[in-house]
Amino acid sequence: MGEIFEQLYMAIVSMLSLAFFGGLMFYIIHASNSRWREYELLYAAIEPRQPLAKKLAGMVRISQPGFRWGHLSGDLKSHRHPPVTVGVHSDGLTLSIVPPFKYGCRDLFLPFDKMTVEPANWDMLHKEYGIQMEGVDGIEILMFSTIMEWAAERSEILDLMLQRAELVRELSKNCERQVPAPR
């Protein structure tokens, strides 16, 4: 009879342990995708669309604008999303996290008419781009320059946005050089 109680006890302990670690994993996944969900509120891709071109982007980062170095920047919600597929359309971009990393995140459609592309620094990289969208204040989607340049080759509107971002980058560099150091 003692063996039955021991087996029952071990089964209950195993189930509670699995429930605890499963709940902890769900919480971490849910918290990590909070910035993506901020974009989903306004820019979820409701219907599937066929892109003009599609490419695996590696990763994107959603964080506050400006230079960021991981969580040391104080932006605790900053998150790097693993492999993301970028689709180029005539009127915008689609972003889709590759399964199994998707964690229930819906695809995003970012229309060009509500988009601003700004120059951005990402860790040690200094020629990246941040996509800022109307209605989603204080955060941007950072993408590697190679992906943005690939997408700009397929979209004249995005190409003009990147040219503007490069002008802004050059102007800010020139302004930094011309400001004399305090004595």
N, C-alpha and C. Protein backbone atom coordinates (compact mmCIF):
# COMPACT_ATOMS: atom_id res chain seq x y z
N MET A 1 0.82 -1.19 0.00
CA MET A 1 0.00 0.00 0.00
C MET A 1 0.87 1.26 0.00
N GLY A 2 2.03 1.19 0.65
CA GLY A 2 2.94 2.33 0.73
C GLY A 2 3.49 2.72 -0.63
N GLU A 3 3.69 1.71 -1.51
CA GLU A 3 4.20 2.01 -2.84
C GLU A 3 3.19 2.79 -3.67
N ILE A 4 1.92 2.53 -3.49
CA ILE A 4 0.88 3.25 -4.22
C ILE A 4 0.88 4.71 -3.82
N PHE A 5 0.97 4.99 -2.51
CA PHE A 5 1.00 6.38 -2.04
C PHE A 5 2.26 7.10 -2.52
N GLU A 6 3.38 6.37 -2.55
CA GLU A 6 4.63 6.98 -3.03
C GLU A 6 4.51 7.32 -4.52
N GLN A 7 3.94 6.42 -5.32
CA GLN A 7 3.74 6.68 -6.75
C GLN A 7 2.78 7.85 -6.97
N LEU A 8 1.72 7.91 -6.19
CA LEU A 8 0.75 9.00 -6.27
C LEU A 8 1.41 10.34 -5.89
N TYR A 9 2.20 10.31 -4.85
CA TYR A 9 2.91 11.52 -4.40
C TYR A 9 3.86 12.01 -5.50
N MET A 10 4.62 11.08 -6.09
CA MET A 10 5.57 11.47 -7.15
C MET A 10 4.83 12.00 -8.38
N ALA A 11 3.68 11.43 -8.69
CA ALA A 11 2.91 11.92 -9.84
C ALA A 11 2.40 13.33 -9.58
N ILE A 12 1.92 13.60 -8.38
CA ILE A 12 1.43 14.94 -8.03
C ILE A 12 2.56 15.95 -8.05
N VAL A 13 3.70 15.61 -7.48
CA VAL A 13 4.86 16.51 -7.48
C VAL A 13 5.31 16.78 -8.92
N SER A 14 5.33 15.76 -9.76
CA SER A 14 5.73 15.95 -11.17
C SER A 14 4.76 16.87 -11.90
N MET A 15 3.46 16.69 -11.69
CA MET A 15 2.47 17.54 -12.35
C MET A 15 2.58 18.99 -11.88
N LEU A 16 2.78 19.19 -10.58
CA LEU A 16 2.93 20.55 -10.07
C LEU A 16 4.20 21.22 -10.60
N SER A 17 5.28 20.45 -10.69
CA SER A 17 6.53 20.99 -11.23
C SER A 17 6.37 21.38 -12.70
N LEU A 18 5.74 20.51 -13.48
CA LEU A 18 5.50 20.82 -14.89
C LEU A 18 4.59 22.04 -15.04
N ALA A 19 3.56 22.13 -14.22
CA ALA A 19 2.65 23.28 -14.28
C ALA A 19 3.40 24.57 -13.92
N PHE A 20 4.25 24.52 -12.92
CA PHE A 20 5.01 25.71 -12.51
C PHE A 20 5.94 26.17 -13.64
N PHE A 21 6.74 25.25 -14.17
CA PHE A 21 7.69 25.63 -15.21
C PHE A 21 6.99 26.00 -16.52
N GLY A 22 5.86 25.34 -16.83
CA GLY A 22 5.07 25.72 -18.00
C GLY A 22 4.51 27.12 -17.85
N GLY A 23 4.00 27.44 -16.66
CA GLY A 23 3.48 28.79 -16.40
C GLY A 23 4.59 29.83 -16.47
N LEU A 24 5.76 29.51 -15.95
CA LEU A 24 6.90 30.43 -16.00
C LEU A 24 7.33 30.67 -17.44
N MET A 25 7.37 29.60 -18.26
CA MET A 25 7.72 29.75 -19.67
C MET A 25 6.70 30.62 -20.40
N PHE A 26 5.41 30.38 -20.14
CA PHE A 26 4.37 31.18 -20.78
C PHE A 26 4.51 32.65 -20.40
N TYR A 27 4.79 32.94 -19.13
CA TYR A 27 4.95 34.32 -18.69
C TYR A 27 6.13 34.99 -19.39
N ILE A 28 7.25 34.29 -19.49
CA ILE A 28 8.44 34.86 -20.15
C ILE A 28 8.16 35.13 -21.62
N ILE A 29 7.53 34.19 -22.29
CA ILE A 29 7.19 34.36 -23.71
C ILE A 29 6.22 35.52 -23.88
N HIS A 30 5.21 35.58 -23.03
CA HIS A 30 4.21 36.65 -23.11
C HIS A 30 4.85 38.02 -22.86
N ALA A 31 5.71 38.11 -21.88
CA ALA A 31 6.38 39.38 -21.57
C ALA A 31 7.34 39.79 -22.68
N SER A 32 8.03 38.82 -23.28
CA SER A 32 8.99 39.13 -24.34
C SER A 32 8.32 39.69 -25.58
N ASN A 33 7.09 39.32 -25.82
CA ASN A 33 6.40 39.76 -27.03
C ASN A 33 5.48 40.95 -26.79
N SER A 34 5.63 41.64 -25.69
CA SER A 34 4.72 42.76 -25.38
C SER A 34 4.87 43.90 -26.39
N ARG A 35 6.07 44.17 -26.86
CA ARG A 35 6.26 45.25 -27.84
C ARG A 35 5.66 44.88 -29.19
N TRP A 36 5.79 43.61 -29.59
CA TRP A 36 5.18 43.16 -30.85
C TRP A 36 3.67 43.35 -30.78
N ARG A 37 3.09 43.04 -29.62
CA ARG A 37 1.64 43.18 -29.46
C ARG A 37 1.21 44.64 -29.51
N GLU A 38 2.07 45.57 -29.14
CA GLU A 38 1.73 46.99 -29.27
C GLU A 38 1.53 47.36 -30.75
N TYR A 39 2.33 46.76 -31.61
CA TYR A 39 2.15 46.97 -33.05
C TYR A 39 0.94 46.22 -33.57
N GLU A 40 0.65 45.05 -33.01
CA GLU A 40 -0.50 44.25 -33.45
C GLU A 40 -1.81 45.01 -33.29
N LEU A 41 -1.90 45.85 -32.26
CA LEU A 41 -3.15 46.57 -32.03
C LEU A 41 -3.57 47.39 -33.23
N LEU A 42 -2.61 48.02 -33.90
CA LEU A 42 -2.92 48.88 -35.04
C LEU A 42 -2.54 48.28 -36.40
N TYR A 43 -1.56 47.40 -36.43
CA TYR A 43 -1.00 46.98 -37.70
C TYR A 43 -0.99 45.46 -37.93
N ALA A 44 -1.92 44.74 -37.31
CA ALA A 44 -2.01 43.30 -37.55
C ALA A 44 -2.45 43.07 -39.00
N ALA A 45 -1.81 42.12 -39.65
CA ALA A 45 -2.19 41.77 -41.03
C ALA A 45 -3.45 40.92 -40.95
N ILE A 46 -4.58 41.53 -41.28
CA ILE A 46 -5.87 40.87 -41.14
C ILE A 46 -6.04 39.76 -42.18
N GLU A 47 -5.74 40.07 -43.41
CA GLU A 47 -5.91 39.08 -44.48
C GLU A 47 -4.55 38.77 -45.09
N PRO A 48 -4.32 37.52 -45.50
CA PRO A 48 -3.04 37.18 -46.12
C PRO A 48 -2.86 37.92 -47.45
N ARG A 49 -1.67 38.41 -47.66
CA ARG A 49 -1.36 39.15 -48.89
C ARG A 49 -0.16 38.52 -49.55
N GLN A 50 -0.15 38.55 -50.86
CA GLN A 50 0.98 38.01 -51.61
C GLN A 50 2.01 39.12 -51.83
N PRO A 51 3.21 39.02 -51.24
CA PRO A 51 4.21 40.08 -51.40
C PRO A 51 4.86 40.03 -52.79
N LEU A 52 5.41 41.18 -53.18
CA LEU A 52 6.19 41.25 -54.42
C LEU A 52 7.48 40.47 -54.26
N ALA A 53 8.06 40.53 -53.07
CA ALA A 53 9.29 39.81 -52.75
C ALA A 53 9.28 39.50 -51.26
N LYS A 54 9.99 38.44 -50.89
CA LYS A 54 9.99 37.98 -49.51
C LYS A 54 11.39 37.49 -49.16
N LYS A 55 11.83 37.80 -47.92
CA LYS A 55 13.18 37.39 -47.54
C LYS A 55 13.25 37.18 -46.03
N LEU A 56 14.06 36.22 -45.63
CA LEU A 56 14.30 35.99 -44.21
C LEU A 56 15.27 37.06 -43.71
N ALA A 57 14.84 37.83 -42.70
CA ALA A 57 15.62 38.98 -42.25
C ALA A 57 16.57 38.68 -41.12
N GLY A 58 16.61 37.49 -40.63
CA GLY A 58 17.43 37.24 -39.46
C GLY A 58 16.63 37.62 -38.23
N MET A 59 16.86 38.80 -37.71
CA MET A 59 16.08 39.25 -36.56
C MET A 59 15.77 40.72 -36.67
N VAL A 60 14.77 41.14 -35.94
CA VAL A 60 14.46 42.56 -35.78
C VAL A 60 14.45 42.83 -34.28
N ARG A 61 14.58 44.08 -33.95
CA ARG A 61 14.57 44.48 -32.54
C ARG A 61 13.53 45.57 -32.37
N ILE A 62 12.72 45.45 -31.36
CA ILE A 62 11.73 46.47 -31.06
C ILE A 62 12.13 47.11 -29.74
N SER A 63 12.44 48.41 -29.79
CA SER A 63 12.89 49.11 -28.59
C SER A 63 12.65 50.60 -28.74
N GLN A 64 13.06 51.35 -27.75
CA GLN A 64 12.95 52.80 -27.80
C GLN A 64 13.92 53.34 -28.84
N PRO A 65 13.58 54.47 -29.49
CA PRO A 65 14.52 55.06 -30.45
C PRO A 65 15.80 55.52 -29.75
N GLY A 66 16.85 55.58 -30.52
CA GLY A 66 18.13 56.03 -29.99
C GLY A 66 19.06 54.85 -29.79
N PHE A 67 20.29 55.17 -29.41
CA PHE A 67 21.30 54.13 -29.22
C PHE A 67 20.92 53.24 -28.06
N ARG A 68 20.96 51.96 -28.27
CA ARG A 68 20.59 50.99 -27.24
C ARG A 68 21.64 49.90 -27.19
N TRP A 69 21.95 49.49 -25.97
CA TRP A 69 22.87 48.39 -25.77
C TRP A 69 22.17 47.38 -24.86
N GLY A 70 21.24 46.65 -25.42
CA GLY A 70 20.53 45.63 -24.66
C GLY A 70 19.78 46.21 -23.47
N HIS A 71 19.65 45.44 -22.43
CA HIS A 71 18.91 45.88 -21.25
C HIS A 71 19.69 46.89 -20.42
N LEU A 72 20.97 47.07 -20.71
CA LEU A 72 21.76 48.07 -20.00
C LEU A 72 21.27 49.48 -20.31
N SER A 73 20.46 49.63 -21.36
CA SER A 73 19.94 50.93 -21.73
C SER A 73 18.79 51.36 -20.83
N GLY A 74 18.28 50.45 -20.01
CA GLY A 74 17.14 50.77 -19.17
C GLY A 74 15.82 50.43 -19.82
N ASP A 75 15.83 50.02 -21.08
CA ASP A 75 14.61 49.65 -21.78
C ASP A 75 14.39 48.15 -21.56
N LEU A 76 13.70 47.82 -20.48
CA LEU A 76 13.54 46.41 -20.11
C LEU A 76 12.62 45.66 -21.04
N LYS A 77 11.80 46.36 -21.82
CA LYS A 77 10.91 45.69 -22.77
C LYS A 77 11.56 45.51 -24.13
N SER A 78 12.78 46.00 -24.30
CA SER A 78 13.48 45.82 -25.57
C SER A 78 13.63 44.33 -25.84
N HIS A 79 13.33 43.91 -27.06
CA HIS A 79 13.40 42.49 -27.36
C HIS A 79 13.85 42.27 -28.79
N ARG A 80 14.69 41.29 -28.97
CA ARG A 80 15.12 40.87 -30.29
C ARG A 80 14.26 39.68 -30.69
N HIS A 81 13.55 39.83 -31.79
CA HIS A 81 12.71 38.74 -32.26
C HIS A 81 13.51 37.90 -33.23
N PRO A 82 13.48 36.59 -33.02
CA PRO A 82 14.27 35.68 -33.85
C PRO A 82 13.80 35.71 -35.30
N PRO A 83 14.23 34.79 -36.10
CA PRO A 83 14.02 34.92 -37.54
C PRO A 83 12.67 35.50 -37.92
N VAL A 84 12.73 36.60 -38.65
CA VAL A 84 11.53 37.29 -39.11
C VAL A 84 11.60 37.35 -40.63
N THR A 85 10.47 37.04 -41.27
CA THR A 85 10.38 37.14 -42.72
C THR A 85 9.81 38.51 -43.06
N VAL A 86 10.47 39.21 -43.99
CA VAL A 86 10.02 40.52 -44.45
C VAL A 86 9.44 40.36 -45.85
N GLY A 87 8.23 40.86 -46.03
CA GLY A 87 7.61 40.86 -47.35
C GLY A 87 7.45 42.29 -47.84
N VAL A 88 7.77 42.53 -49.10
CA VAL A 88 7.65 43.87 -49.68
C VAL A 88 6.40 43.90 -50.55
N HIS A 89 5.55 44.88 -50.29
CA HIS A 89 4.32 45.09 -51.07
C HIS A 89 4.41 46.48 -51.70
N SER A 90 3.53 46.77 -52.62
CA SER A 90 3.54 48.08 -53.26
C SER A 90 3.18 49.19 -52.27
N ASP A 91 2.43 48.85 -51.20
CA ASP A 91 1.99 49.87 -50.26
C ASP A 91 2.50 49.67 -48.83
N GLY A 92 3.43 48.72 -48.61
CA GLY A 92 3.95 48.54 -47.27
C GLY A 92 4.81 47.30 -47.13
N LEU A 93 5.15 46.99 -45.88
CA LEU A 93 5.97 45.82 -45.55
C LEU A 93 5.17 44.90 -44.65
N THR A 94 5.39 43.59 -44.79
CA THR A 94 4.84 42.65 -43.82
C THR A 94 6.00 42.04 -43.05
N LEU A 95 5.76 41.82 -41.77
CA LEU A 95 6.73 41.15 -40.90
C LEU A 95 6.05 39.94 -40.30
N SER A 96 6.73 38.82 -40.33
CA SER A 96 6.18 37.58 -39.79
C SER A 96 7.30 36.83 -39.07
N ILE A 97 7.08 36.54 -37.79
CA ILE A 97 8.04 35.73 -37.05
C ILE A 97 7.93 34.29 -37.54
N VAL A 98 9.07 33.66 -37.76
CA VAL A 98 9.11 32.30 -38.28
C VAL A 98 8.73 31.31 -37.17
N PRO A 99 7.82 30.36 -37.47
CA PRO A 99 7.53 29.32 -36.48
C PRO A 99 8.78 28.50 -36.23
N PRO A 100 9.01 27.93 -35.11
CA PRO A 100 8.16 27.83 -33.93
C PRO A 100 8.32 29.00 -32.96
N PHE A 101 9.02 30.04 -33.37
CA PHE A 101 9.27 31.18 -32.48
C PHE A 101 8.10 32.15 -32.43
N LYS A 102 7.09 31.90 -33.20
CA LYS A 102 5.99 32.85 -33.37
C LYS A 102 5.19 33.08 -32.08
N TYR A 103 5.07 32.08 -31.23
CA TYR A 103 4.41 32.18 -29.91
C TYR A 103 3.03 32.83 -29.99
N GLY A 104 2.31 32.66 -31.06
CA GLY A 104 0.97 33.24 -31.17
C GLY A 104 0.96 34.68 -31.64
N CYS A 105 2.09 35.23 -32.06
CA CYS A 105 2.13 36.60 -32.58
C CYS A 105 1.57 36.62 -34.00
N ARG A 106 0.70 37.57 -34.27
CA ARG A 106 0.16 37.70 -35.62
C ARG A 106 1.15 38.44 -36.51
N ASP A 107 1.00 38.25 -37.81
CA ASP A 107 1.83 38.97 -38.77
C ASP A 107 1.48 40.45 -38.73
N LEU A 108 2.45 41.30 -39.06
CA LEU A 108 2.24 42.74 -39.10
C LEU A 108 2.26 43.22 -40.55
N PHE A 109 1.41 44.20 -40.85
CA PHE A 109 1.48 44.91 -42.13
C PHE A 109 1.73 46.37 -41.80
N LEU A 110 2.87 46.89 -42.24
CA LEU A 110 3.28 48.26 -41.95
C LEU A 110 3.13 49.10 -43.23
N PRO A 111 2.04 49.88 -43.34
CA PRO A 111 1.83 50.67 -44.56
C PRO A 111 2.83 51.83 -44.66
N PHE A 112 3.29 52.09 -45.87
CA PHE A 112 4.26 53.16 -46.09
C PHE A 112 3.71 54.53 -45.72
N ASP A 113 2.40 54.75 -45.89
CA ASP A 113 1.85 56.07 -45.63
C ASP A 113 1.78 56.41 -44.13
N LYS A 114 2.03 55.44 -43.26
CA LYS A 114 2.06 55.70 -41.82
C LYS A 114 3.44 55.42 -41.23
N MET A 115 4.43 55.26 -42.10
CA MET A 115 5.77 54.85 -41.70
C MET A 115 6.77 56.00 -41.85
N THR A 116 7.71 56.06 -40.92
CA THR A 116 8.87 56.94 -41.02
C THR A 116 10.10 56.07 -40.78
N VAL A 117 11.11 56.20 -41.63
CA VAL A 117 12.36 55.47 -41.45
C VAL A 117 13.41 56.45 -40.96
N GLU A 118 14.02 56.12 -39.83
CA GLU A 118 15.03 56.98 -39.21
C GLU A 118 16.36 56.23 -39.13
N PRO A 119 17.47 56.95 -39.16
CA PRO A 119 18.75 56.29 -38.94
C PRO A 119 18.81 55.80 -37.50
N ALA A 120 19.45 54.65 -37.29
CA ALA A 120 19.51 54.08 -35.94
C ALA A 120 20.85 53.39 -35.73
N ASN A 121 21.24 53.32 -34.47
CA ASN A 121 22.42 52.55 -34.07
C ASN A 121 21.91 51.34 -33.29
N TRP A 122 22.48 50.19 -33.59
CA TRP A 122 22.05 48.96 -32.93
C TRP A 122 23.30 48.28 -32.41
N ASP A 123 23.50 48.30 -31.11
CA ASP A 123 24.68 47.76 -30.46
C ASP A 123 25.94 48.37 -31.10
N MET A 124 26.78 47.56 -31.71
CA MET A 124 28.01 48.08 -32.30
C MET A 124 27.83 48.48 -33.77
N LEU A 125 26.64 48.29 -34.32
CA LEU A 125 26.37 48.61 -35.72
C LEU A 125 25.88 50.04 -35.81
N HIS A 126 26.37 50.80 -36.77
CA HIS A 126 26.06 52.23 -36.83
C HIS A 126 25.34 52.66 -38.10
N LYS A 127 24.91 51.72 -38.94
CA LYS A 127 24.24 52.13 -40.17
C LYS A 127 22.93 51.37 -40.34
N GLU A 128 22.20 51.22 -39.26
CA GLU A 128 20.94 50.49 -39.31
C GLU A 128 19.79 51.48 -39.41
N TYR A 129 18.59 50.94 -39.55
CA TYR A 129 17.40 51.78 -39.73
C TYR A 129 16.33 51.39 -38.72
N GLY A 130 15.62 52.39 -38.24
CA GLY A 130 14.50 52.17 -37.35
C GLY A 130 13.21 52.59 -38.04
N ILE A 131 12.22 51.73 -37.99
CA ILE A 131 10.91 52.02 -38.56
C ILE A 131 10.01 52.51 -37.44
N GLN A 132 9.51 53.72 -37.58
CA GLN A 132 8.57 54.28 -36.62
C GLN A 132 7.21 54.40 -37.29
N MET A 133 6.17 54.01 -36.57
CA MET A 133 4.83 53.99 -37.13
C MET A 133 3.92 54.95 -36.35
N GLU A 134 2.97 55.56 -37.07
CA GLU A 134 1.98 56.42 -36.43
C GLU A 134 1.17 55.60 -35.43
N GLY A 135 0.88 56.19 -34.28
CA GLY A 135 0.06 55.53 -33.29
C GLY A 135 0.82 54.64 -32.33
N VAL A 136 2.05 54.31 -32.64
CA VAL A 136 2.88 53.49 -31.75
C VAL A 136 4.05 54.39 -31.33
N ASP A 137 3.82 55.15 -30.28
CA ASP A 137 4.80 56.17 -29.87
C ASP A 137 5.86 55.59 -28.94
N GLY A 138 7.06 56.10 -29.09
CA GLY A 138 8.14 55.78 -28.17
C GLY A 138 8.88 54.48 -28.44
N ILE A 139 8.51 53.75 -29.49
CA ILE A 139 9.24 52.53 -29.84
C ILE A 139 9.40 52.46 -31.36
N GLU A 140 10.41 51.71 -31.78
CA GLU A 140 10.64 51.53 -33.21
C GLU A 140 11.10 50.11 -33.48
N ILE A 141 10.93 49.70 -34.72
CA ILE A 141 11.40 48.39 -35.16
C ILE A 141 12.74 48.61 -35.85
N LEU A 142 13.80 48.05 -35.28
CA LEU A 142 15.13 48.18 -35.86
C LEU A 142 15.41 46.99 -36.77
N MET A 143 15.93 47.31 -37.96
CA MET A 143 16.28 46.27 -38.92
C MET A 143 17.69 46.49 -39.43
N PHE A 144 18.32 45.40 -39.81
CA PHE A 144 19.66 45.50 -40.39
C PHE A 144 19.58 46.25 -41.71
N SER A 145 20.62 47.01 -42.02
CA SER A 145 20.64 47.81 -43.24
C SER A 145 20.58 46.94 -44.49
N THR A 146 21.15 45.74 -44.45
CA THR A 146 21.13 44.88 -45.64
C THR A 146 19.70 44.52 -46.03
N ILE A 147 18.85 44.25 -45.06
CA ILE A 147 17.46 43.90 -45.33
C ILE A 147 16.70 45.12 -45.84
N MET A 148 16.92 46.25 -45.20
CA MET A 148 16.21 47.47 -45.62
C MET A 148 16.63 47.87 -47.04
N GLU A 149 17.91 47.74 -47.36
CA GLU A 149 18.37 48.08 -48.70
C GLU A 149 17.82 47.09 -49.73
N TRP A 150 17.74 45.80 -49.36
CA TRP A 150 17.13 44.81 -50.24
C TRP A 150 15.67 45.18 -50.52
N ALA A 151 14.93 45.55 -49.47
CA ALA A 151 13.51 45.92 -49.64
C ALA A 151 13.39 47.20 -50.46
N ALA A 152 14.31 48.14 -50.27
CA ALA A 152 14.26 49.42 -51.01
C ALA A 152 14.49 49.22 -52.50
N GLU A 153 15.25 48.18 -52.86
CA GLU A 153 15.45 47.87 -54.28
C GLU A 153 14.14 47.45 -54.95
N ARG A 154 13.18 47.01 -54.15
CA ARG A 154 11.92 46.52 -54.68
C ARG A 154 10.76 47.48 -54.48
N SER A 155 11.03 48.60 -53.80
CA SER A 155 9.99 49.59 -53.54
C SER A 155 10.56 50.99 -53.66
N GLU A 156 10.04 51.75 -54.59
CA GLU A 156 10.53 53.12 -54.80
C GLU A 156 10.25 54.00 -53.59
N ILE A 157 9.10 53.80 -52.96
CA ILE A 157 8.73 54.61 -51.78
C ILE A 157 9.72 54.36 -50.65
N LEU A 158 10.02 53.09 -50.38
CA LEU A 158 10.97 52.76 -49.31
C LEU A 158 12.36 53.26 -49.65
N ASP A 159 12.73 53.22 -50.93
CA ASP A 159 14.03 53.74 -51.35
C ASP A 159 14.14 55.23 -51.03
N LEU A 160 13.08 55.98 -51.28
CA LEU A 160 13.09 57.42 -50.95
C LEU A 160 13.19 57.63 -49.43
N MET A 161 12.52 56.78 -48.67
CA MET A 161 12.60 56.88 -47.20
C MET A 161 14.03 56.62 -46.71
N LEU A 162 14.71 55.65 -47.31
CA LEU A 162 16.10 55.36 -46.91
C LEU A 162 17.03 56.49 -47.31
N GLN A 163 16.79 57.09 -48.48
CA GLN A 163 17.61 58.23 -48.89
C GLN A 163 17.45 59.38 -47.89
N ARG A 164 16.21 59.63 -47.45
CA ARG A 164 15.96 60.67 -46.45
C ARG A 164 16.68 60.34 -45.15
N ALA A 165 16.62 59.07 -44.71
CA ALA A 165 17.29 58.66 -43.47
C ALA A 165 18.80 58.86 -43.57
N GLU A 166 19.37 58.57 -44.74
CA GLU A 166 20.81 58.79 -44.92
C GLU A 166 21.16 60.27 -44.88
N LEU A 167 20.30 61.13 -45.45
CA LEU A 167 20.53 62.57 -45.36
C LEU A 167 20.50 63.04 -43.91
N VAL A 168 19.55 62.54 -43.15
CA VAL A 168 19.46 62.88 -41.72
C VAL A 168 20.71 62.41 -40.99
N ARG A 169 21.18 61.20 -41.31
CA ARG A 169 22.38 60.67 -40.67
C ARG A 169 23.60 61.55 -40.98
N GLU A 170 23.75 61.95 -42.25
CA GLU A 170 24.88 62.80 -42.65
C GLU A 170 24.80 64.19 -42.00
N LEU A 171 23.60 64.75 -41.96
CA LEU A 171 23.43 66.06 -41.32
C LEU A 171 23.77 66.01 -39.84
N SER A 172 23.36 64.95 -39.16
CA SER A 172 23.67 64.85 -37.73
C SER A 172 25.16 64.66 -37.51
N LYS A 173 25.84 63.91 -38.40
CA LYS A 173 27.29 63.75 -38.28
C LYS A 173 27.99 65.09 -38.50
N ASN A 174 27.54 65.85 -39.50
CA ASN A 174 28.15 67.16 -39.78
C ASN A 174 27.93 68.12 -38.63
N CYS A 175 26.75 68.08 -38.03
CA CYS A 175 26.48 68.97 -36.89
C CYS A 175 27.35 68.61 -35.70
N GLU A 176 27.60 67.31 -35.48
CA GLU A 176 28.45 66.90 -34.37
C GLU A 176 29.89 67.34 -34.58
N ARG A 177 30.36 67.32 -35.83
CA ARG A 177 31.73 67.74 -36.13
C ARG A 177 31.91 69.23 -35.97
N GLN A 178 30.87 70.01 -36.25
CA GLN A 178 31.00 71.47 -36.24
C GLN A 178 30.84 72.08 -34.86
N VAL A 179 30.26 71.34 -33.93
CA VAL A 179 30.07 71.88 -32.58
C VAL A 179 31.41 71.84 -31.86
N PRO A 180 31.92 72.99 -31.42
CA PRO A 180 33.21 73.01 -30.73
C PRO A 180 33.07 72.38 -29.34
N ALA A 181 34.14 71.75 -28.91
CA ALA A 181 34.15 71.12 -27.59
C ALA A 181 34.19 72.20 -26.52
N PRO A 182 33.47 72.00 -25.41
CA PRO A 182 33.51 72.99 -24.32
C PRO A 182 34.89 73.05 -23.69
N ARG A 183 35.26 74.24 -23.27
CA ARG A 183 36.60 74.42 -22.67
C ARG A 183 36.53 74.52 -21.20
